Amino acid sequence: MNSRDPPSKILLLIITYLPSSFPLTNDYLFETFKKYGEIKKILIFERGKTNKAFVEYIDIKHAI
């Protein structure tokens, strides 16, 4: 995060290496990141060979 960027409720994950056998799913990310706070929404997408995901929390402090 750039120090000039304001805090956000959304955590951006950039996954540069993911074995084809790895199950990248909303359920997996939810189980992994729920320990940090209440999750509002998860979105997984692919750009080229890079997988990315947004994990949106209810509260900014949980995303931070």
PDB file of N, CA and C in Angstrom:
ATOM      1  N   MET A   1       0.849  -1.181   0.000  1.00  0.00           N
ATOM      2  CA  MET A   1       0.000   0.000   0.000  1.00  0.00           C
ATOM      3  C   MET A   1       0.884   1.230   0.000  1.00  0.00           C
ATOM      4  N   ASN A   2       0.577   2.160  -0.833  1.00  0.00           N
ATOM      5  CA  ASN A   2       1.275   3.434  -0.874  1.00  0.00           C
ATOM      6  C   ASN A   2       0.842   4.253   0.333  1.00  0.00           C
ATOM      7  N   SER A   3       1.767   4.870   1.025  1.00  0.00           N
ATOM      8  CA  SER A   3       1.442   5.605   2.244  1.00  0.00           C
ATOM      9  C   SER A   3       0.494   6.782   1.986  1.00  0.00           C
ATOM     10  N   ARG A   4       0.359   7.201   0.742  1.00  0.00           N
ATOM     11  CA  ARG A   4      -0.556   8.302   0.415  1.00  0.00           C
ATOM     12  C   ARG A   4      -1.965   7.812   0.132  1.00  0.00           C
ATOM     13  N   ASP A   5      -2.135   6.508  -0.052  1.00  0.00           N
ATOM     14  CA  ASP A   5      -3.463   5.967  -0.319  1.00  0.00           C
ATOM     15  C   ASP A   5      -4.278   5.950   0.967  1.00  0.00           C
ATOM     16  N   PRO A   6      -5.540   6.373   0.888  1.00  0.00           N
ATOM     17  CA  PRO A   6      -6.371   6.309   2.094  1.00  0.00           C
ATOM     18  C   PRO A   6      -6.699   4.853   2.430  1.00  0.00           C
ATOM     19  N   PRO A   7      -6.946   4.552   3.698  1.00  0.00           N
ATOM     20  CA  PRO A   7      -7.334   3.176   4.074  1.00  0.00           C
ATOM     21  C   PRO A   7      -8.613   2.766   3.345  1.00  0.00           C
ATOM     22  N   SER A   8      -8.739   1.480   3.102  1.00  0.00           N
ATOM     23  CA  SER A   8      -9.892   0.950   2.372  1.00  0.00           C
ATOM     24  C   SER A   8     -10.400  -0.303   3.065  1.00  0.00           C
ATOM     25  N   LYS A   9     -11.681  -0.594   2.861  1.00  0.00           N
ATOM     26  CA  LYS A   9     -12.278  -1.828   3.381  1.00  0.00           C
ATOM     27  C   LYS A   9     -11.898  -3.032   2.525  1.00  0.00           C
ATOM     28  N   ILE A  10     -11.265  -2.771   1.380  1.00  0.00           N
ATOM     29  CA  ILE A  10     -10.977  -3.831   0.420  1.00  0.00           C
ATOM     30  C   ILE A  10      -9.504  -4.205   0.442  1.00  0.00           C
ATOM     31  N   LEU A  11      -9.267  -5.492   0.610  1.00  0.00           N
ATOM     32  CA  LEU A  11      -7.918  -6.050   0.582  1.00  0.00           C
ATOM     33  C   LEU A  11      -7.717  -6.656  -0.805  1.00  0.00           C
ATOM     34  N   LEU A  12      -6.650  -6.253  -1.504  1.00  0.00           N
ATOM     35  CA  LEU A  12      -6.344  -6.801  -2.824  1.00  0.00           C
ATOM     36  C   LEU A  12      -5.284  -7.876  -2.670  1.00  0.00           C
ATOM     37  N   LEU A  13      -5.585  -9.079  -3.126  1.00  0.00           N
ATOM     38  CA  LEU A  13      -4.628 -10.186  -3.123  1.00  0.00           C
ATOM     39  C   LEU A  13      -4.125 -10.384  -4.543  1.00  0.00           C
ATOM     40  N   ILE A  14      -2.819 -10.492  -4.702  1.00  0.00           N
ATOM     41  CA  ILE A  14      -2.220 -10.782  -6.002  1.00  0.00           C
ATOM     42  C   ILE A  14      -1.475 -12.100  -5.848  1.00  0.00           C
ATOM     43  N   ILE A  15      -1.923 -13.104  -6.571  1.00  0.00           N
ATOM     44  CA  ILE A  15      -1.377 -14.449  -6.438  1.00  0.00           C
ATOM     45  C   ILE A  15      -0.577 -14.746  -7.703  1.00  0.00           C
ATOM     46  N   THR A  16       0.750 -14.765  -7.570  1.00  0.00           N
ATOM     47  CA  THR A  16       1.595 -14.893  -8.746  1.00  0.00           C
ATOM     48  C   THR A  16       1.897 -16.334  -9.113  1.00  0.00           C
ATOM     49  N   TYR A  17       1.804 -17.242  -8.160  1.00  0.00           N
ATOM     50  CA  TYR A  17       2.019 -18.654  -8.478  1.00  0.00           C
ATOM     51  C   TYR A  17       0.961 -19.470  -7.767  1.00  0.00           C
ATOM     52  N   LEU A  18       0.230 -20.266  -8.540  1.00  0.00           N
ATOM     53  CA  LEU A  18      -0.813 -21.098  -7.976  1.00  0.00           C
ATOM     54  C   LEU A  18      -0.815 -22.424  -8.725  1.00  0.00           C
ATOM     55  N   PRO A  19      -0.498 -23.522  -8.033  1.00  0.00           N
ATOM     56  CA  PRO A  19      -0.539 -24.825  -8.708  1.00  0.00           C
ATOM     57  C   PRO A  19      -1.940 -25.090  -9.264  1.00  0.00           C
ATOM     58  N   SER A  20      -2.022 -25.725 -10.392  1.00  0.00           N
ATOM     59  CA  SER A  20      -3.327 -26.000 -11.016  1.00  0.00           C
ATOM     60  C   SER A  20      -4.219 -26.847 -10.115  1.00  0.00           C
ATOM     61  N   SER A  21      -3.615 -27.596  -9.205  1.00  0.00           N
ATOM     62  CA  SER A  21      -4.401 -28.447  -8.306  1.00  0.00           C
ATOM     63  C   SER A  21      -4.943 -27.681  -7.092  1.00  0.00           C
ATOM     64  N   PHE A  22      -4.534 -26.411  -6.930  1.00  0.00           N
ATOM     65  CA  PHE A  22      -4.960 -25.633  -5.756  1.00  0.00           C
ATOM     66  C   PHE A  22      -6.364 -25.085  -5.963  1.00  0.00           C
ATOM     67  N   PRO A  23      -7.271 -25.323  -5.023  1.00  0.00           N
ATOM     68  CA  PRO A  23      -8.655 -24.867  -5.182  1.00  0.00           C
ATOM     69  C   PRO A  23      -8.861 -23.421  -4.719  1.00  0.00           C
ATOM     70  N   LEU A  24      -8.576 -22.453  -5.580  1.00  0.00           N
ATOM     71  CA  LEU A  24      -8.802 -21.056  -5.222  1.00  0.00           C
ATOM     72  C   LEU A  24     -10.291 -20.763  -5.388  1.00  0.00           C
ATOM     73  N   THR A  25     -10.992 -20.720  -4.268  1.00  0.00           N
ATOM     74  CA  THR A  25     -12.440 -20.504  -4.282  1.00  0.00           C
ATOM     75  C   THR A  25     -12.807 -19.431  -3.266  1.00  0.00           C
ATOM     76  N   ASN A  26     -14.014 -18.899  -3.406  1.00  0.00           N
ATOM     77  CA  ASN A  26     -14.512 -17.932  -2.429  1.00  0.00           C
ATOM     78  C   ASN A  26     -14.533 -18.561  -1.039  1.00  0.00           C
ATOM     79  N   ASP A  27     -14.945 -19.826  -0.951  1.00  0.00           N
ATOM     80  CA  ASP A  27     -15.008 -20.506   0.347  1.00  0.00           C
ATOM     81  C   ASP A  27     -13.630 -20.597   0.986  1.00  0.00           C
ATOM     82  N   TYR A  28     -12.615 -20.921   0.203  1.00  0.00           N
ATOM     83  CA  TYR A  28     -11.250 -21.028   0.737  1.00  0.00           C
ATOM     84  C   TYR A  28     -10.778 -19.672   1.260  1.00  0.00           C
ATOM     85  N   LEU A  29     -10.972 -18.624   0.466  1.00  0.00           N
ATOM     86  CA  LEU A  29     -10.544 -17.296   0.900  1.00  0.00           C
ATOM     87  C   LEU A  29     -11.335 -16.827   2.113  1.00  0.00           C
ATOM     88  N   PHE A  30     -12.633 -17.134   2.140  1.00  0.00           N
ATOM     89  CA  PHE A  30     -13.453 -16.756   3.291  1.00  0.00           C
ATOM     90  C   PHE A  30     -12.919 -17.413   4.565  1.00  0.00           C
ATOM     91  N   GLU A  31     -12.654 -18.706   4.498  1.00  0.00           N
ATOM     92  CA  GLU A  31     -12.147 -19.427   5.674  1.00  0.00           C
ATOM     93  C   GLU A  31     -10.773 -18.899   6.099  1.00  0.00           C
ATOM     94  N   THR A  32      -9.949 -18.526   5.130  1.00  0.00           N
ATOM     95  CA  THR A  32      -8.603 -18.036   5.423  1.00  0.00           C
ATOM     96  C   THR A  32      -8.614 -16.643   6.040  1.00  0.00           C
ATOM     97  N   PHE A  33      -9.473 -15.748   5.549  1.00  0.00           N
ATOM     98  CA  PHE A  33      -9.428 -14.347   5.950  1.00  0.00           C
ATOM     99  C   PHE A  33     -10.491 -13.929   6.955  1.00  0.00           C
ATOM    100  N   LYS A  34     -11.445 -14.803   7.288  1.00  0.00           N
ATOM    101  CA  LYS A  34     -12.496 -14.416   8.242  1.00  0.00           C
ATOM    102  C   LYS A  34     -11.944 -14.171   9.646  1.00  0.00           C
ATOM    103  N   LYS A  35     -10.788 -14.739   9.951  1.00  0.00           N
ATOM    104  CA  LYS A  35     -10.220 -14.545  11.289  1.00  0.00           C
ATOM    105  C   LYS A  35      -9.804 -13.093  11.533  1.00  0.00           C
ATOM    106  N   TYR A  36      -9.726 -12.287  10.484  1.00  0.00           N
ATOM    107  CA  TYR A  36      -9.338 -10.880  10.622  1.00  0.00           C
ATOM    108  C   TYR A  36     -10.531  -9.943  10.775  1.00  0.00           C
ATOM    109  N   GLY A  37     -11.740 -10.443  10.483  1.00  0.00           N
ATOM    110  CA  GLY A  37     -12.930  -9.612  10.628  1.00  0.00           C
ATOM    111  C   GLY A  37     -14.063 -10.111   9.752  1.00  0.00           C
ATOM    112  N   GLU A  38     -15.213  -9.451   9.893  1.00  0.00           N
ATOM    113  CA  GLU A  38     -16.404  -9.852   9.136  1.00  0.00           C
ATOM    114  C   GLU A  38     -16.261  -9.446   7.671  1.00  0.00           C
ATOM    115  N   ILE A  39     -16.427 -10.424   6.791  1.00  0.00           N
ATOM    116  CA  ILE A  39     -16.261 -10.214   5.348  1.00  0.00           C
ATOM    117  C   ILE A  39     -17.607  -9.907   4.711  1.00  0.00           C
ATOM    118  N   LYS A  40     -17.618  -8.878   3.876  1.00  0.00           N
ATOM    119  CA  LYS A  40     -18.827  -8.491   3.149  1.00  0.00           C
ATOM    120  C   LYS A  40     -18.915  -9.220   1.807  1.00  0.00           C
ATOM    121  N   LYS A  41     -17.772  -9.267   1.085  1.00  0.00           N
ATOM    122  CA  LYS A  41     -17.805  -9.835  -0.269  1.00  0.00           C
ATOM    123  C   LYS A  41     -16.408 -10.268  -0.685  1.00  0.00           C
ATOM    124  N   ILE A  42     -16.351 -11.291  -1.534  1.00  0.00           N
ATOM    125  CA  ILE A  42     -15.091 -11.759  -2.122  1.00  0.00           C
ATOM    126  C   ILE A  42     -15.285 -11.880  -3.624  1.00  0.00           C
ATOM    127  N   LEU A  43     -14.305 -11.393  -4.366  1.00  0.00           N
ATOM    128  CA  LEU A  43     -14.340 -11.489  -5.826  1.00  0.00           C
ATOM    129  C   LEU A  43     -12.991 -11.994  -6.298  1.00  0.00           C
ATOM    130  N   ILE A  44     -12.992 -13.088  -7.055  1.00  0.00           N
ATOM    131  CA  ILE A  44     -11.765 -13.674  -7.607  1.00  0.00           C
ATOM    132  C   ILE A  44     -11.784 -13.456  -9.122  1.00  0.00           C
ATOM    133  N   PHE A  45     -10.655 -13.044  -9.672  1.00  0.00           N
ATOM    134  CA  PHE A  45     -10.571 -12.868 -11.128  1.00  0.00           C
ATOM    135  C   PHE A  45      -9.151 -13.148 -11.593  1.00  0.00           C
ATOM    136  N   GLU A  46      -8.997 -13.287 -12.898  1.00  0.00           N
ATOM    137  CA  GLU A  46      -7.696 -13.616 -13.482  1.00  0.00           C
ATOM    138  C   GLU A  46      -7.316 -12.548 -14.491  1.00  0.00           C
ATOM    139  N   ARG A  47      -6.064 -12.096 -14.415  1.00  0.00           N
ATOM    140  CA  ARG A  47      -5.516 -11.147 -15.386  1.00  0.00           C
ATOM    141  C   ARG A  47      -4.264 -11.788 -15.951  1.00  0.00           C
ATOM    142  N   GLY A  48      -4.315 -12.222 -17.185  1.00  0.00           N
ATOM    143  CA  GLY A  48      -3.180 -12.928 -17.771  1.00  0.00           C
ATOM    144  C   GLY A  48      -2.957 -14.216 -16.993  1.00  0.00           C
ATOM    145  N   LYS A  49      -1.759 -14.406 -16.497  1.00  0.00           N
ATOM    146  CA  LYS A  49      -1.456 -15.616 -15.721  1.00  0.00           C
ATOM    147  C   LYS A  49      -1.490 -15.341 -14.222  1.00  0.00           C
ATOM    148  N   THR A  50      -1.964 -14.158 -13.843  1.00  0.00           N
ATOM    149  CA  THR A  50      -2.001 -13.776 -12.435  1.00  0.00           C
ATOM    150  C   THR A  50      -3.425 -13.833 -11.914  1.00  0.00           C
ATOM    151  N   ASN A  51      -3.615 -14.525 -10.807  1.00  0.00           N
ATOM    152  CA  ASN A  51      -4.906 -14.534 -10.132  1.00  0.00           C
ATOM    153  C   ASN A  51      -4.928 -13.390  -9.128  1.00  0.00           C
ATOM    154  N   LYS A  52      -6.071 -12.730  -9.053  1.00  0.00           N
ATOM    155  CA  LYS A  52      -6.248 -11.643  -8.091  1.00  0.00           C
ATOM    156  C   LYS A  52      -7.582 -11.856  -7.385  1.00  0.00           C
ATOM    157  N   ALA A  53      -7.680 -11.284  -6.207  1.00  0.00           N
ATOM    158  CA  ALA A  53      -8.937 -11.365  -5.475  1.00  0.00           C
ATOM    159  C   ALA A  53      -9.106 -10.113  -4.639  1.00  0.00           C
ATOM    160  N   PHE A  54     -10.349  -9.685  -4.521  1.00  0.00           N
ATOM    161  CA  PHE A  54     -10.713  -8.618  -3.602  1.00  0.00           C
ATOM    162  C   PHE A  54     -11.424  -9.270  -2.431  1.00  0.00           C
ATOM    163  N   VAL A  55     -10.993  -8.938  -1.230  1.00  0.00           N
ATOM    164  CA  VAL A  55     -11.698  -9.370  -0.023  1.00  0.00           C
ATOM    165  C   VAL A  55     -12.189  -8.075   0.623  1.00  0.00           C
ATOM    166  N   GLU A  56     -13.504  -7.879   0.637  1.00  0.00           N
ATOM    167  CA  GLU A  56     -14.071  -6.661   1.210  1.00  0.00           C
ATOM    168  C   GLU A  56     -14.594  -6.953   2.606  1.00  0.00           C
ATOM    169  N   TYR A  57     -14.086  -6.202   3.555  1.00  0.00           N
ATOM    170  CA  TYR A  57     -14.516  -6.332   4.947  1.00  0.00           C
ATOM    171  C   TYR A  57     -15.603  -5.308   5.265  1.00  0.00           C
ATOM    172  N   ILE A  58     -16.354  -5.567   6.321  1.00  0.00           N
ATOM    173  CA  ILE A  58     -17.392  -4.643   6.785  1.00  0.00           C
ATOM    174  C   ILE A  58     -16.742  -3.380   7.366  1.00  0.00           C
ATOM    175  N   ASP A  59     -15.573  -3.536   8.001  1.00  0.00           N
ATOM    176  CA  ASP A  59     -14.927  -2.438   8.716  1.00  0.00           C
ATOM    177  C   ASP A  59     -13.501  -2.229   8.184  1.00  0.00           C
ATOM    178  N   ILE A  60     -13.113  -0.994   7.984  1.00  0.00           N
ATOM    179  CA  ILE A  60     -11.775  -0.666   7.481  1.00  0.00           C
ATOM    180  C   ILE A  60     -10.680  -1.261   8.366  1.00  0.00           C
ATOM    181  N   LYS A  61     -10.858  -1.207   9.680  1.00  0.00           N
ATOM    182  CA  LYS A  61      -9.799  -1.690  10.583  1.00  0.00           C
ATOM    183  C   LYS A  61      -9.522  -3.177  10.387  1.00  0.00           C
ATOM    184  N   HIS A  62     -10.499  -3.940   9.947  1.00  0.00           N
ATOM    185  CA  HIS A  62     -10.282  -5.373   9.706  1.00  0.00           C
ATOM    186  C   HIS A  62      -9.447  -5.586   8.451  1.00  0.00           C
ATOM    187  N   ALA A  63      -9.664  -4.777   7.430  1.00  0.00           N
ATOM    188  CA  ALA A  63      -8.874  -4.894   6.196  1.00  0.00           C
ATOM    189  C   ALA A  63      -7.434  -4.463   6.427  1.00  0.00           C
ATOM    190  N   ILE A  64      -7.248  -3.467   7.270  1.00  0.00           N
ATOM    191  CA  ILE A  64      -5.896  -2.989   7.567  1.00  0.00           C
ATOM    192  C   ILE A  64      -5.149  -4.060   8.321  1.00  0.00           C
TER     193      ILE A  64
END
